[in-house]
C-alpha atoms as a PDB file:
ATOM      1  CA  UNK A   1     -73.570 -16.638 -55.177  1.00  0.00           C
ATOM      2  CA  UNK A   2     -70.210 -17.418 -53.574  1.00  0.00           C
ATOM      3  CA  UNK A   3     -67.495 -19.923 -54.408  1.00  0.00           C
ATOM      4  CA  UNK A   4     -65.591 -22.070 -51.922  1.00  0.00           C
ATOM      5  CA  UNK A   5     -62.281 -23.326 -53.273  1.00  0.00           C
ATOM      6  CA  UNK A   6     -60.894 -26.586 -51.880  1.00  0.00           C
ATOM      7  CA  UNK A   7     -57.324 -26.793 -50.625  1.00  0.00           C
ATOM      8  CA  UNK A   8     -55.474 -28.824 -51.766  1.00  0.00           C
ATOM      9  CA  UNK A   9     -56.739 -29.526 -55.278  1.00  0.00           C
ATOM     10  CA  UNK A  10     -55.311 -30.252 -58.710  1.00  0.00           C
ATOM     11  CA  UNK A  11     -51.858 -31.505 -59.619  1.00  0.00           C
ATOM     12  CA  UNK A  12     -49.986 -33.780 -57.219  1.00  0.00           C
ATOM     13  CA  UNK A  13     -46.240 -34.447 -57.189  1.00  0.00           C
ATOM     14  CA  UNK A  14     -46.584 -37.608 -59.272  1.00  0.00           C
ATOM     15  CA  UNK A  15     -48.496 -35.792 -62.006  1.00  0.00           C
ATOM     16  CA  UNK A  16     -46.071 -32.846 -61.981  1.00  0.00           C
ATOM     17  CA  UNK A  17     -43.190 -35.290 -62.386  1.00  0.00           C
ATOM     18  CA  UNK A  18     -44.841 -37.277 -65.187  1.00  0.00           C
ATOM     19  CA  UNK A  19     -45.574 -34.160 -67.237  1.00  0.00           C
ATOM     20  CA  UNK A  20     -42.049 -32.836 -66.711  1.00  0.00           C
ATOM     21  CA  UNK A  21     -40.571 -36.170 -67.815  1.00  0.00           C
ATOM     22  CA  UNK A  22     -42.341 -35.921 -71.180  1.00  0.00           C
ATOM     23  CA  UNK A  23     -41.418 -32.248 -71.602  1.00  0.00           C
ATOM     24  CA  UNK A  24     -37.756 -32.832 -70.758  1.00  0.00           C
ATOM     25  CA  UNK A  25     -37.561 -35.842 -73.082  1.00  0.00           C
ATOM     26  CA  UNK A  26     -38.890 -33.684 -75.928  1.00  0.00           C
ATOM     27  CA  UNK A  27     -36.420 -30.888 -75.091  1.00  0.00           C
ATOM     28  CA  UNK A  28     -33.448 -33.260 -74.882  1.00  0.00           C
ATOM     29  CA  UNK A  29     -34.138 -35.717 -77.687  1.00  0.00           C
ATOM     30  CA  UNK A  30     -36.567 -33.879 -79.932  1.00  0.00           C
ATOM     31  CA  UNK A  31     -40.037 -34.808 -81.160  1.00  0.00           C
ATOM     32  CA  UNK A  32     -41.604 -37.189 -81.523  1.00  0.00           C
ATOM     33  CA  UNK A  33     -41.487 -38.697 -78.047  1.00  0.00           C
ATOM     34  CA  UNK A  34     -43.861 -41.627 -77.708  1.00  0.00           C
ATOM     35  CA  UNK A  35     -46.002 -42.117 -74.591  1.00  0.00           C
ATOM     36  CA  UNK A  36     -47.666 -45.427 -73.809  1.00  0.00           C
ATOM     37  CA  UNK A  37     -51.256 -44.612 -72.844  1.00  0.00           C
ATOM     38  CA  UNK A  38     -52.282 -41.199 -71.508  1.00  0.00           C
ATOM     39  CA  UNK A  39     -49.461 -39.867 -69.346  1.00  0.00           C
ATOM     40  CA  UNK A  40     -52.161 -38.898 -66.815  1.00  0.00           C
ATOM     41  CA  UNK A  41     -55.928 -39.055 -67.145  1.00  0.00           C
ATOM     42  CA  UNK A  42     -56.669 -35.529 -68.308  1.00  0.00           C
ATOM     43  CA  UNK A  43     -57.451 -34.386 -71.838  1.00  0.00           C
ATOM     44  CA  UNK A  44     -56.025 -30.874 -71.267  1.00  0.00           C
ATOM     45  CA  UNK A  45     -52.649 -32.274 -70.215  1.00  0.00           C
ATOM     46  CA  UNK A  46     -52.581 -34.809 -73.053  1.00  0.00           C
ATOM     47  CA  UNK A  47     -53.560 -32.162 -75.610  1.00  0.00           C
ATOM     48  CA  UNK A  48     -50.863 -29.748 -74.442  1.00  0.00           C
ATOM     49  CA  UNK A  49     -48.157 -32.407 -74.613  1.00  0.00           C
ATOM     50  CA  UNK A  50     -49.366 -33.575 -78.019  1.00  0.00           C
ATOM     51  CA  UNK A  51     -48.924 -29.991 -79.216  1.00  0.00           C
ATOM     52  CA  UNK A  52     -45.299 -30.080 -78.045  1.00  0.00           C
ATOM     53  CA  UNK A  53     -44.485 -33.284 -79.911  1.00  0.00           C
ATOM     54  CA  UNK A  54     -45.695 -36.195 -77.762  1.00  0.00           C
ATOM     55  CA  UNK A  55     -47.330 -39.096 -79.604  1.00  0.00           C
ATOM     56  CA  UNK A  56     -49.676 -41.208 -77.492  1.00  0.00           C
ATOM     57  CA  UNK A  57     -50.005 -44.891 -78.347  1.00  0.00           C
ATOM     58  CA  UNK A  58     -51.891 -47.834 -76.900  1.00  0.00           C
ATOM     59  CA  UNK A  59     -49.174 -50.440 -77.341  1.00  0.00           C
ATOM     60  CA  UNK A  60     -45.444 -50.565 -77.976  1.00  0.00           C
ATOM     61  CA  UNK A  61     -45.785 -52.163 -81.426  1.00  0.00           C
ATOM     62  CA  UNK A  62     -46.980 -48.743 -82.653  1.00  0.00           C
ATOM     63  CA  UNK A  63     -43.535 -47.270 -81.862  1.00  0.00           C
ATOM     64  CA  UNK A  64     -40.582 -47.467 -84.290  1.00  0.00           C
ATOM     65  CA  UNK A  65     -37.651 -49.558 -83.079  1.00  0.00           C
ATOM     66  CA  UNK A  66     -35.032 -47.504 -81.270  1.00  0.00           C
ATOM     67  CA  UNK A  67     -37.398 -44.589 -80.519  1.00  0.00           C
ATOM     68  CA  UNK A  68     -37.916 -42.955 -77.126  1.00  0.00           C
ATOM     69  CA  UNK A  69     -40.952 -43.936 -75.048  1.00  0.00           C
ATOM     70  CA  UNK A  70     -42.325 -42.709 -71.741  1.00  0.00           C
ATOM     71  CA  UNK A  71     -44.381 -45.043 -69.550  1.00  0.00           C
ATOM     72  CA  UNK A  72     -47.403 -43.327 -67.999  1.00  0.00           C
ATOM     73  CA  UNK A  73     -47.735 -42.341 -64.350  1.00  0.00           C
ATOM     74  CA  UNK A  74     -50.000 -45.349 -63.742  1.00  0.00           C
ATOM     75  CA  UNK A  75     -47.228 -47.917 -64.208  1.00  0.00           C
ATOM     76  CA  UNK A  76     -46.912 -50.884 -66.556  1.00  0.00           C
ATOM     77  CA  UNK A  77     -46.743 -54.686 -66.267  1.00  0.00           C
ATOM     78  CA  UNK A  78     -43.306 -56.323 -66.305  1.00  0.00           C
ATOM     79  CA  UNK A  79     -44.091 -57.778 -69.727  1.00  0.00           C
ATOM     80  CA  UNK A  80     -44.239 -54.260 -71.201  1.00  0.00           C
ATOM     81  CA  UNK A  81     -40.824 -53.413 -69.757  1.00  0.00           C
ATOM     82  CA  UNK A  82     -39.404 -56.613 -71.256  1.00  0.00           C
ATOM     83  CA  UNK A  83     -40.932 -55.843 -74.661  1.00  0.00           C
ATOM     84  CA  UNK A  84     -39.448 -52.346 -74.659  1.00  0.00           C
ATOM     85  CA  UNK A  85     -36.005 -53.801 -73.962  1.00  0.00           C
ATOM     86  CA  UNK A  86     -36.439 -56.397 -76.722  1.00  0.00           C
ATOM     87  CA  UNK A  87     -37.369 -53.685 -79.249  1.00  0.00           C
ATOM     88  CA  UNK A  88     -34.429 -51.478 -78.301  1.00  0.00           C
ATOM     89  CA  UNK A  89     -36.552 -48.555 -77.118  1.00  0.00           C
ATOM     90  CA  UNK A  90     -35.096 -45.801 -74.970  1.00  0.00           C
ATOM     91  CA  UNK A  91     -37.402 -45.814 -71.927  1.00  0.00           C
ATOM     92  CA  UNK A  92     -38.188 -43.165 -69.347  1.00  0.00           C
ATOM     93  CA  UNK A  93     -40.499 -44.467 -66.664  1.00  0.00           C
ATOM     94  CA  UNK A  94     -42.950 -41.844 -65.371  1.00  0.00           C
ATOM     95  CA  UNK A  95     -44.632 -44.303 -62.986  1.00  0.00           C
ATOM     96  CA  UNK A  96     -45.521 -42.405 -59.824  1.00  0.00           C
ATOM     97  CA  UNK A  97     -43.058 -43.446 -57.090  1.00  0.00           C
ATOM     98  CA  UNK A  98     -46.010 -44.196 -54.817  1.00  0.00           C
ATOM     99  CA  UNK A  99     -47.291 -46.680 -57.406  1.00  0.00           C
ATOM    100  CA  UNK A 100     -43.799 -48.151 -57.684  1.00  0.00           C
ATOM    101  CA  UNK A 101     -43.914 -48.658 -53.910  1.00  0.00           C
ATOM    102  CA  UNK A 102     -46.980 -50.873 -54.406  1.00  0.00           C
ATOM    103  CA  UNK A 103     -45.179 -52.806 -57.180  1.00  0.00           C
ATOM    104  CA  UNK A 104     -42.318 -53.497 -54.761  1.00  0.00           C
ATOM    105  CA  UNK A 105     -44.776 -54.701 -52.111  1.00  0.00           C
ATOM    106  CA  UNK A 106     -46.434 -57.077 -54.576  1.00  0.00           C
ATOM    107  CA  UNK A 107     -43.080 -58.552 -55.630  1.00  0.00           C
ATOM    108  CA  UNK A 108     -42.026 -59.029 -51.994  1.00  0.00           C
ATOM    109  CA  UNK A 109     -45.297 -60.726 -51.024  1.00  0.00           C
ATOM    110  CA  UNK A 110     -45.024 -62.972 -54.063  1.00  0.00           C
ATOM    111  CA  UNK A 111     -41.477 -64.000 -53.065  1.00  0.00           C
ATOM    112  CA  UNK A 112     -42.796 -64.869 -49.623  1.00  0.00           C
ATOM    113  CA  UNK A 113     -45.177 -67.349 -51.221  1.00  0.00           C
ATOM    114  CA  UNK A 114     -48.311 -65.328 -50.538  1.00  0.00           C
ATOM    115  CA  UNK A 115     -51.358 -64.878 -52.711  1.00  0.00           C
ATOM    116  CA  UNK A 116     -51.771 -61.125 -53.179  1.00  0.00           C
ATOM    117  CA  UNK A 117     -55.162 -59.445 -52.849  1.00  0.00           C
ATOM    118  CA  UNK A 118     -55.468 -56.075 -54.603  1.00  0.00           C
ATOM    119  CA  UNK A 119     -58.311 -53.660 -53.891  1.00  0.00           C
ATOM    120  CA  UNK A 120     -58.948 -51.648 -57.051  1.00  0.00           C
ATOM    121  CA  UNK A 121     -61.016 -51.017 -60.152  1.00  0.00           C
ATOM    122  CA  UNK A 122     -60.898 -53.563 -62.975  1.00  0.00           C
ATOM    123  CA  UNK A 123     -59.497 -52.184 -66.220  1.00  0.00           C
ATOM    124  CA  UNK A 124     -57.720 -49.205 -64.663  1.00  0.00           C
ATOM    125  CA  UNK A 125     -54.144 -48.950 -66.001  1.00  0.00           C
ATOM    126  CA  UNK A 126     -52.690 -48.751 -62.495  1.00  0.00           C
ATOM    127  CA  UNK A 127     -54.404 -52.008 -61.549  1.00  0.00           C
ATOM    128  CA  UNK A 128     -53.243 -53.696 -64.751  1.00  0.00           C
ATOM    129  CA  UNK A 129     -49.692 -52.515 -64.137  1.00  0.00           C
ATOM    130  CA  UNK A 130     -49.642 -53.649 -60.512  1.00  0.00           C
ATOM    131  CA  UNK A 131     -51.215 -57.046 -61.172  1.00  0.00           C
ATOM    132  CA  UNK A 132     -48.743 -57.504 -64.022  1.00  0.00           C
ATOM    133  CA  UNK A 133     -45.787 -57.412 -61.630  1.00  0.00           C
ATOM    134  CA  UNK A 134     -46.170 -61.136 -60.894  1.00  0.00           C
ATOM    135  CA  UNK A 135     -47.193 -64.247 -62.776  1.00  0.00           C
ATOM    136  CA  UNK A 136     -50.399 -65.468 -61.149  1.00  0.00           C
ATOM    137  CA  UNK A 137     -51.720 -65.762 -57.605  1.00  0.00           C
ATOM    138  CA  UNK A 138     -52.880 -62.140 -57.471  1.00  0.00           C
ATOM    139  CA  UNK A 139     -56.589 -61.441 -57.046  1.00  0.00           C
ATOM    140  CA  UNK A 140     -58.603 -58.248 -57.613  1.00  0.00           C
ATOM    141  CA  UNK A 141     -61.464 -57.239 -55.337  1.00  0.00           C
ATOM    142  CA  UNK A 142     -63.629 -54.219 -56.088  1.00  0.00           C
ATOM    143  CA  UNK A 143     -66.180 -54.459 -53.266  1.00  0.00           C
ATOM    144  CA  UNK A 144     -67.173 -56.389 -50.148  1.00  0.00           C
ATOM    145  CA  UNK A 145     -69.126 -58.935 -52.203  1.00  0.00           C
ATOM    146  CA  UNK A 146     -65.911 -59.859 -54.040  1.00  0.00           C
ATOM    147  CA  UNK A 147     -64.270 -60.642 -50.701  1.00  0.00           C
ATOM    148  CA  UNK A 148     -66.853 -63.309 -49.932  1.00  0.00           C
ATOM    149  CA  UNK A 149     -66.259 -64.990 -53.307  1.00  0.00           C
ATOM    150  CA  UNK A 150     -62.430 -65.102 -53.070  1.00  0.00           C
ATOM    151  CA  UNK A 151     -60.707 -68.453 -53.578  1.00  0.00           C
ATOM    152  CA  UNK A 152     -57.073 -68.555 -52.417  1.00  0.00           C
ATOM    153  CA  UNK A 153     -54.404 -71.226 -52.004  1.00  0.00           C
ATOM    154  CA  UNK A 154     -53.709 -70.694 -48.293  1.00  0.00           C
ATOM    155  CA  UNK A 155     -55.798 -68.291 -46.163  1.00  0.00           C
ATOM    156  CA  UNK A 156     -52.867 -68.021 -43.747  1.00  0.00           C
ATOM    157  CA  UNK A 157     -50.491 -66.710 -46.436  1.00  0.00           C
ATOM    158  CA  UNK A 158     -52.059 -63.640 -47.991  1.00  0.00           C
ATOM    159  CA  UNK A 159     -50.882 -60.099 -48.670  1.00  0.00           C
ATOM    160  CA  UNK A 160     -52.976 -56.960 -49.262  1.00  0.00           C
ATOM    161  CA  UNK A 161     -52.269 -53.959 -51.502  1.00  0.00           C
ATOM    162  CA  UNK A 162     -54.530 -51.266 -52.933  1.00  0.00           C
ATOM    163  CA  UNK A 163     -54.806 -48.955 -55.902  1.00  0.00           C
ATOM    164  CA  UNK A 164     -53.438 -45.559 -54.858  1.00  0.00           C
ATOM    165  CA  UNK A 165     -56.448 -43.491 -55.979  1.00  0.00           C
ATOM    166  CA  UNK A 166     -59.345 -45.223 -54.205  1.00  0.00           C
ATOM    167  CA  UNK A 167     -61.978 -43.816 -51.904  1.00  0.00           C
ATOM    168  CA  UNK A 168     -60.401 -43.902 -48.450  1.00  0.00           C
ATOM    169  CA  UNK A 169     -63.735 -44.856 -46.853  1.00  0.00           C
ATOM    170  CA  UNK A 170     -64.561 -47.594 -49.389  1.00  0.00           C
ATOM    171  CA  UNK A 171     -61.069 -49.046 -49.052  1.00  0.00           C
ATOM    172  CA  UNK A 172     -61.389 -49.096 -45.264  1.00  0.00           C
ATOM    173  CA  UNK A 173     -64.654 -51.041 -45.544  1.00  0.00           C
ATOM    174  CA  UNK A 174     -63.231 -53.622 -47.973  1.00  0.00           C
ATOM    175  CA  UNK A 175     -60.039 -53.999 -45.924  1.00  0.00           C
ATOM    176  CA  UNK A 176     -62.117 -54.669 -42.816  1.00  0.00           C
ATOM    177  CA  UNK A 177     -64.048 -57.387 -44.661  1.00  0.00           C
ATOM    178  CA  UNK A 178     -60.766 -58.971 -45.769  1.00  0.00           C
ATOM    179  CA  UNK A 179     -59.345 -58.926 -42.237  1.00  0.00           C
ATOM    180  CA  UNK A 180     -62.544 -60.460 -40.890  1.00  0.00           C
ATOM    181  CA  UNK A 181     -62.410 -63.334 -43.389  1.00  0.00           C
ATOM    182  CA  UNK A 182     -58.603 -63.686 -43.416  1.00  0.00           C
ATOM    183  CA  UNK A 183     -57.291 -62.566 -39.983  1.00  0.00           C
ATOM    184  CA  UNK A 184     -53.675 -63.368 -40.899  1.00  0.00           C
ATOM    185  CA  UNK A 185     -53.563 -61.244 -44.066  1.00  0.00           C
ATOM    186  CA  UNK A 186     -50.375 -59.149 -44.249  1.00  0.00           C
ATOM    187  CA  UNK A 187     -50.726 -55.427 -44.974  1.00  0.00           C
ATOM    188  CA  UNK A 188     -48.164 -52.763 -45.910  1.00  0.00           C
ATOM    189  CA  UNK A 189     -46.628 -50.820 -43.019  1.00  0.00           C
ATOM    190  CA  UNK A 190     -48.005 -47.649 -44.625  1.00  0.00           C
ATOM    191  CA  UNK A 191     -51.285 -47.483 -46.536  1.00  0.00           C
ATOM    192  CA  UNK A 192     -51.098 -47.586 -50.320  1.00  0.00           C
ATOM    193  CA  UNK A 193     -53.661 -44.824 -50.959  1.00  0.00           C
ATOM    194  CA  UNK A 194     -51.447 -41.866 -51.775  1.00  0.00           C
ATOM    195  CA  UNK A 195     -51.126 -38.697 -49.736  1.00  0.00           C
ATOM    196  CA  UNK A 196     -52.654 -36.566 -52.517  1.00  0.00           C
ATOM    197  CA  UNK A 197     -55.748 -38.747 -52.836  1.00  0.00           C
ATOM    198  CA  UNK A 198     -56.216 -38.661 -49.050  1.00  0.00           C
ATOM    199  CA  UNK A 199     -55.689 -34.885 -48.851  1.00  0.00           C
ATOM    200  CA  UNK A 200     -58.099 -34.068 -51.689  1.00  0.00           C
ATOM    201  CA  UNK A 201     -60.814 -36.287 -50.264  1.00  0.00           C
ATOM    202  CA  UNK A 202     -60.346 -34.760 -46.804  1.00  0.00           C
ATOM    203  CA  UNK A 203     -60.638 -31.284 -48.346  1.00  0.00           C
ATOM    204  CA  UNK A 204     -63.945 -32.213 -50.005  1.00  0.00           C
ATOM    205  CA  UNK A 205     -65.227 -33.690 -46.738  1.00  0.00           C
ATOM    206  CA  UNK A 206     -64.536 -30.349 -45.062  1.00  0.00           C
ATOM    207  CA  UNK A 207     -66.011 -28.302 -47.928  1.00  0.00           C
ATOM    208  CA  UNK A 208     -69.123 -30.239 -48.988  1.00  0.00           C
ATOM    209  CA  UNK A 209     -71.231 -29.621 -45.833  1.00  0.00           C
ATOM    210  CA  UNK A 210     -70.897 -25.871 -46.492  1.00  0.00           C
ATOM    211  CA  UNK A 211     -72.034 -26.135 -50.140  1.00  0.00           C
ATOM    212  CA  UNK A 212     -75.236 -26.422 -52.143  1.00  0.00           C
ATOM    213  CA  UNK A 213     -73.306 -27.794 -55.138  1.00  0.00           C
ATOM    214  CA  UNK A 214     -69.795 -29.224 -55.530  1.00  0.00           C
ATOM    215  CA  UNK A 215     -68.097 -29.069 -58.941  1.00  0.00           C
ATOM    216  CA  UNK A 216     -65.187 -31.457 -59.477  1.00  0.00           C
ATOM    217  CA  UNK A 217     -62.897 -30.758 -62.428  1.00  0.00           C
ATOM    218  CA  UNK A 218     -61.591 -34.001 -63.853  1.00  0.00           C
ATOM    219  CA  UNK A 219     -61.811 -36.494 -66.686  1.00  0.00           C
ATOM    220  CA  UNK A 220     -64.268 -39.431 -66.663  1.00  0.00           C
ATOM    221  CA  UNK A 221     -61.301 -41.840 -66.785  1.00  0.00           C
ATOM    222  CA  UNK A 222     -59.673 -40.267 -63.717  1.00  0.00           C
ATOM    223  CA  UNK A 223     -60.170 -42.523 -60.702  1.00  0.00           C
ATOM    224  CA  UNK A 224     -59.267 -39.931 -58.079  1.00  0.00           C
ATOM    225  CA  UNK A 225     -61.572 -37.321 -59.669  1.00  0.00           C
ATOM    226  CA  UNK A 226     -64.511 -39.735 -59.622  1.00  0.00           C
ATOM    227  CA  UNK A 227     -63.815 -40.465 -55.970  1.00  0.00           C
ATOM    228  CA  UNK A 228     -63.988 -36.738 -55.134  1.00  0.00           C
ATOM    229  CA  UNK A 229     -67.460 -36.518 -56.659  1.00  0.00           C
ATOM    230  CA  UNK A 230     -68.539 -39.631 -54.748  1.00  0.00           C
ATOM    231  CA  UNK A 231     -67.245 -38.241 -51.458  1.00  0.00           C
ATOM    232  CA  UNK A 232     -69.322 -35.055 -51.846  1.00  0.00           C
ATOM    233  CA  UNK A 233     -72.372 -37.048 -52.930  1.00  0.00           C
ATOM    234  CA  UNK A 234     -72.161 -39.369 -49.912  1.00  0.00           C
ATOM    235  CA  UNK A 235     -72.169 -36.308 -47.671  1.00  0.00           C
ATOM    236  CA  UNK A 236     -75.548 -35.340 -49.134  1.00  0.00           C
ATOM    237  CA  UNK A 237     -74.313 -32.619 -51.469  1.00  0.00           C
ATOM    238  CA  UNK A 238     -75.233 -32.360 -55.135  1.00  0.00           C
ATOM    239  CA  UNK A 239     -71.967 -33.061 -56.971  1.00  0.00           C
ATOM    240  CA  UNK A 240     -71.053 -32.852 -60.653  1.00  0.00           C
ATOM    241  CA  UNK A 241     -67.817 -33.740 -62.436  1.00  0.00           C
ATOM    242  CA  UNK A 242     -66.905 -31.661 -65.467  1.00  0.00           C
ATOM    243  CA  UNK A 243     -63.902 -31.579 -67.755  1.00  0.00           C
ATOM    244  CA  UNK A 244     -63.931 -27.833 -68.353  1.00  0.00           C
ATOM    245  CA  UNK A 245     -65.871 -24.626 -67.791  1.00  0.00           C
ATOM    246  CA  UNK A 246     -67.663 -25.207 -71.098  1.00  0.00           C
ATOM    247  CA  UNK A 247     -69.461 -28.193 -69.549  1.00  0.00           C
ATOM    248  CA  UNK A 248     -71.033 -26.112 -66.779  1.00  0.00           C
ATOM    249  CA  UNK A 249     -74.838 -26.186 -67.005  1.00  0.00           C
ATOM    250  CA  UNK A 250     -76.263 -22.892 -65.675  1.00  0.00           C
ATOM    251  CA  UNK A 251     -79.378 -24.775 -64.536  1.00  0.00           C
ATOM    252  CA  UNK A 252     -77.263 -26.476 -61.849  1.00  0.00           C
ATOM    253  CA  UNK A 253     -76.747 -23.103 -60.159  1.00  0.00           C
ATOM    254  CA  UNK A 254     -80.423 -22.245 -59.684  1.00  0.00           C
ATOM    255  CA  UNK A 255     -81.248 -21.999 -55.998  1.00  0.00           C
ATOM    256  CA  UNK A 256     -77.716 -22.972 -54.984  1.00  0.00           C
ATOM    257  CA  UNK A 257     -75.962 -19.909 -53.548  1.00  0.00           C
ATOM    258  CA  UNK A 258     -72.781 -21.648 -52.364  1.00  0.00           C
ATOM    259  CA  UNK A 259     -70.707 -23.512 -54.935  1.00  0.00           C
ATOM    260  CA  UNK A 260     -67.719 -25.656 -53.974  1.00  0.00           C
ATOM    261  CA  UNK A 261     -64.934 -26.166 -56.509  1.00  0.00           C
ATOM    262  CA  UNK A 262     -62.159 -28.743 -56.484  1.00  0.00           C
ATOM    263  CA  UNK A 263     -60.041 -30.604 -59.037  1.00  0.00           C
ATOM    264  CA  UNK A 264     -58.627 -34.091 -59.375  1.00  0.00           C
ATOM    265  CA  UNK A 265     -54.900 -34.708 -59.094  1.00  0.00           C
ATOM    266  CA  UNK A 266     -54.425 -34.646 -62.889  1.00  0.00           C
ATOM    267  CA  UNK A 267     -56.466 -31.485 -63.582  1.00  0.00           C
ATOM    268  CA  UNK A 268     -54.562 -28.236 -64.325  1.00  0.00           C
ATOM    269  CA  UNK A 269     -55.135 -25.155 -62.179  1.00  0.00           C
ATOM    270  CA  UNK A 270     -55.741 -23.192 -65.386  1.00  0.00           C
ATOM    271  CA  UNK A 271     -59.019 -25.078 -65.847  1.00  0.00           C
ATOM    272  CA  UNK A 272     -60.030 -24.281 -62.259  1.00  0.00           C
ATOM    273  CA  UNK A 273     -59.535 -20.571 -62.883  1.00  0.00           C
ATOM    274  CA  UNK A 274     -61.512 -20.778 -66.142  1.00  0.00           C
ATOM    275  CA  UNK A 275     -64.403 -22.346 -64.216  1.00  0.00           C
ATOM    276  CA  UNK A 276     -64.278 -19.613 -61.578  1.00  0.00           C
ATOM    277  CA  UNK A 277     -64.393 -16.971 -64.333  1.00  0.00           C
ATOM    278  CA  UNK A 278     -67.404 -18.748 -65.848  1.00  0.00           C
ATOM    279  CA  UNK A 279     -69.187 -18.860 -62.481  1.00  0.00           C
ATOM    280  CA  UNK A 280     -68.589 -15.127 -62.100  1.00  0.00           C
ATOM    281  CA  UNK A 281     -70.365 -14.589 -65.425  1.00  0.00           C
ATOM    282  CA  UNK A 282     -73.399 -16.202 -63.814  1.00  0.00           C
ATOM    283  CA  UNK A 283     -73.274 -13.956 -60.772  1.00  0.00           C
ATOM    284  CA  UNK A 284     -70.692 -15.420 -58.414  1.00  0.00           C
ATOM    285  CA  UNK A 285     -68.980 -12.783 -56.304  1.00  0.00           C
ATOM    286  CA  UNK A 286     -66.887 -13.863 -53.336  1.00  0.00           C
ATOM    287  CA  UNK A 287     -64.257 -16.562 -53.902  1.00  0.00           C
ATOM    288  CA  UNK A 288     -62.968 -18.000 -50.626  1.00  0.00           C
ATOM    289  CA  UNK A 289     -59.980 -20.338 -50.434  1.00  0.00           C
ATOM    290  CA  UNK A 290     -60.570 -22.810 -47.632  1.00  0.00           C
ATOM    291  CA  UNK A 291     -57.889 -23.847 -45.176  1.00  0.00           C
ATOM    292  CA  UNK A 292     -56.193 -27.143 -45.941  1.00  0.00           C
ATOM    293  CA  UNK A 293     -52.973 -29.095 -46.135  1.00  0.00           C
ATOM    294  CA  UNK A 294     -50.086 -27.344 -47.864  1.00  0.00           C
ATOM    295  CA  UNK A 295     -48.355 -30.025 -49.918  1.00  0.00           C
ATOM    296  CA  UNK A 296     -44.603 -29.894 -50.445  1.00  0.00           C
ATOM    297  CA  UNK A 297     -43.825 -33.401 -51.762  1.00  0.00           C
ATOM    298  CA  UNK A 298     -41.546 -33.619 -54.812  1.00  0.00           C
ATOM    299  CA  UNK A 299     -40.093 -36.588 -56.694  1.00  0.00           C
ATOM    300  CA  UNK A 300     -36.770 -36.741 -58.573  1.00  0.00           C
ATOM    301  CA  UNK A 301     -36.405 -37.137 -62.314  1.00  0.00           C
ATOM    302  CA  UNK A 302     -35.378 -40.536 -63.696  1.00  0.00           C
ATOM    303  CA  UNK A 303     -31.755 -41.114 -64.666  1.00  0.00           C
ATOM    304  CA  UNK A 304     -30.954 -39.415 -67.954  1.00  0.00           C
ATOM    305  CA  UNK A 305     -33.456 -36.567 -67.557  1.00  0.00           C
ATOM    306  CA  UNK A 306     -31.962 -34.650 -64.663  1.00  0.00           C
ATOM    307  CA  UNK A 307     -30.491 -31.181 -64.993  1.00  0.00           C
ATOM    308  CA  UNK A 308     -27.062 -32.739 -65.467  1.00  0.00           C
ATOM    309  CA  UNK A 309     -28.306 -34.523 -68.608  1.00  0.00           C
ATOM    310  CA  UNK A 310     -29.551 -31.233 -70.048  1.00  0.00           C
ATOM    311  CA  UNK A 311     -26.231 -29.539 -69.240  1.00  0.00           C
ATOM    312  CA  UNK A 312     -24.266 -32.324 -70.914  1.00  0.00           C
ATOM    313  CA  UNK A 313     -26.320 -32.093 -74.099  1.00  0.00           C
ATOM    314  CA  UNK A 314     -25.960 -28.313 -74.102  1.00  0.00           C
ATOM    315  CA  UNK A 315     -22.181 -28.692 -73.926  1.00  0.00           C
END
């Protein structure tokens, strides 16, 4: 049995930044540091940060007045920002800059008097945060059927944005249906699906045809991880999503000599290596890293958490 390892996989720049924001806040201001919702959708990351002094809460009313809070990488509605200010909380916003870009697009389209159409998954925190940037006249579509049912004020004044972690192929199909029904819909100059989502899906598309089984490391709540499993499945490959090596069922390996391994953008590389070690216990030999995009994107820290802030506190 051999293992093919997707490239790229695992942490993206937005996830790296979000984790570092929480860690730096703890180092600079001491525990506890409160985090609204999971900083990213991965239980290993959340557990590690909890061990360092992060306290994860669902809503701001669980946080003492004047405490420090970090907003998750998925972004928050404007109402949450306003509530944090009202309660005197020190806020560090770990919203991925590529999600913030979508927030800016929504606000601009709203100012232009457009209804905004968002392609995304209902209930996902990123969708809730993006739709919460404006008061009304923003509509969520999850599939082509939703497009047919849309009711808007003026079909000639519409804007389109998307969740950053969608299936590239599904989004293309829904966007085409929207353009067919609303030919004048305005779209962003650059697509909203983030570079990391695109790159990881492309890597699976290249890997899956060579595999008898694809294992995706990710949490059930992780949108981009679920999309990786779907991409492999649509290419006719058996695909399973697992949170850790402990969830590997040896029965999946029977009669499947080539195993592909990848990880969602919020899954640590440590868990990937633990899975590879587990596969070796069941007879895997060769591990081959496939060719793929080498990512170099980085995002700056928010004001107050840069290296200068640490130096000032040290002085």
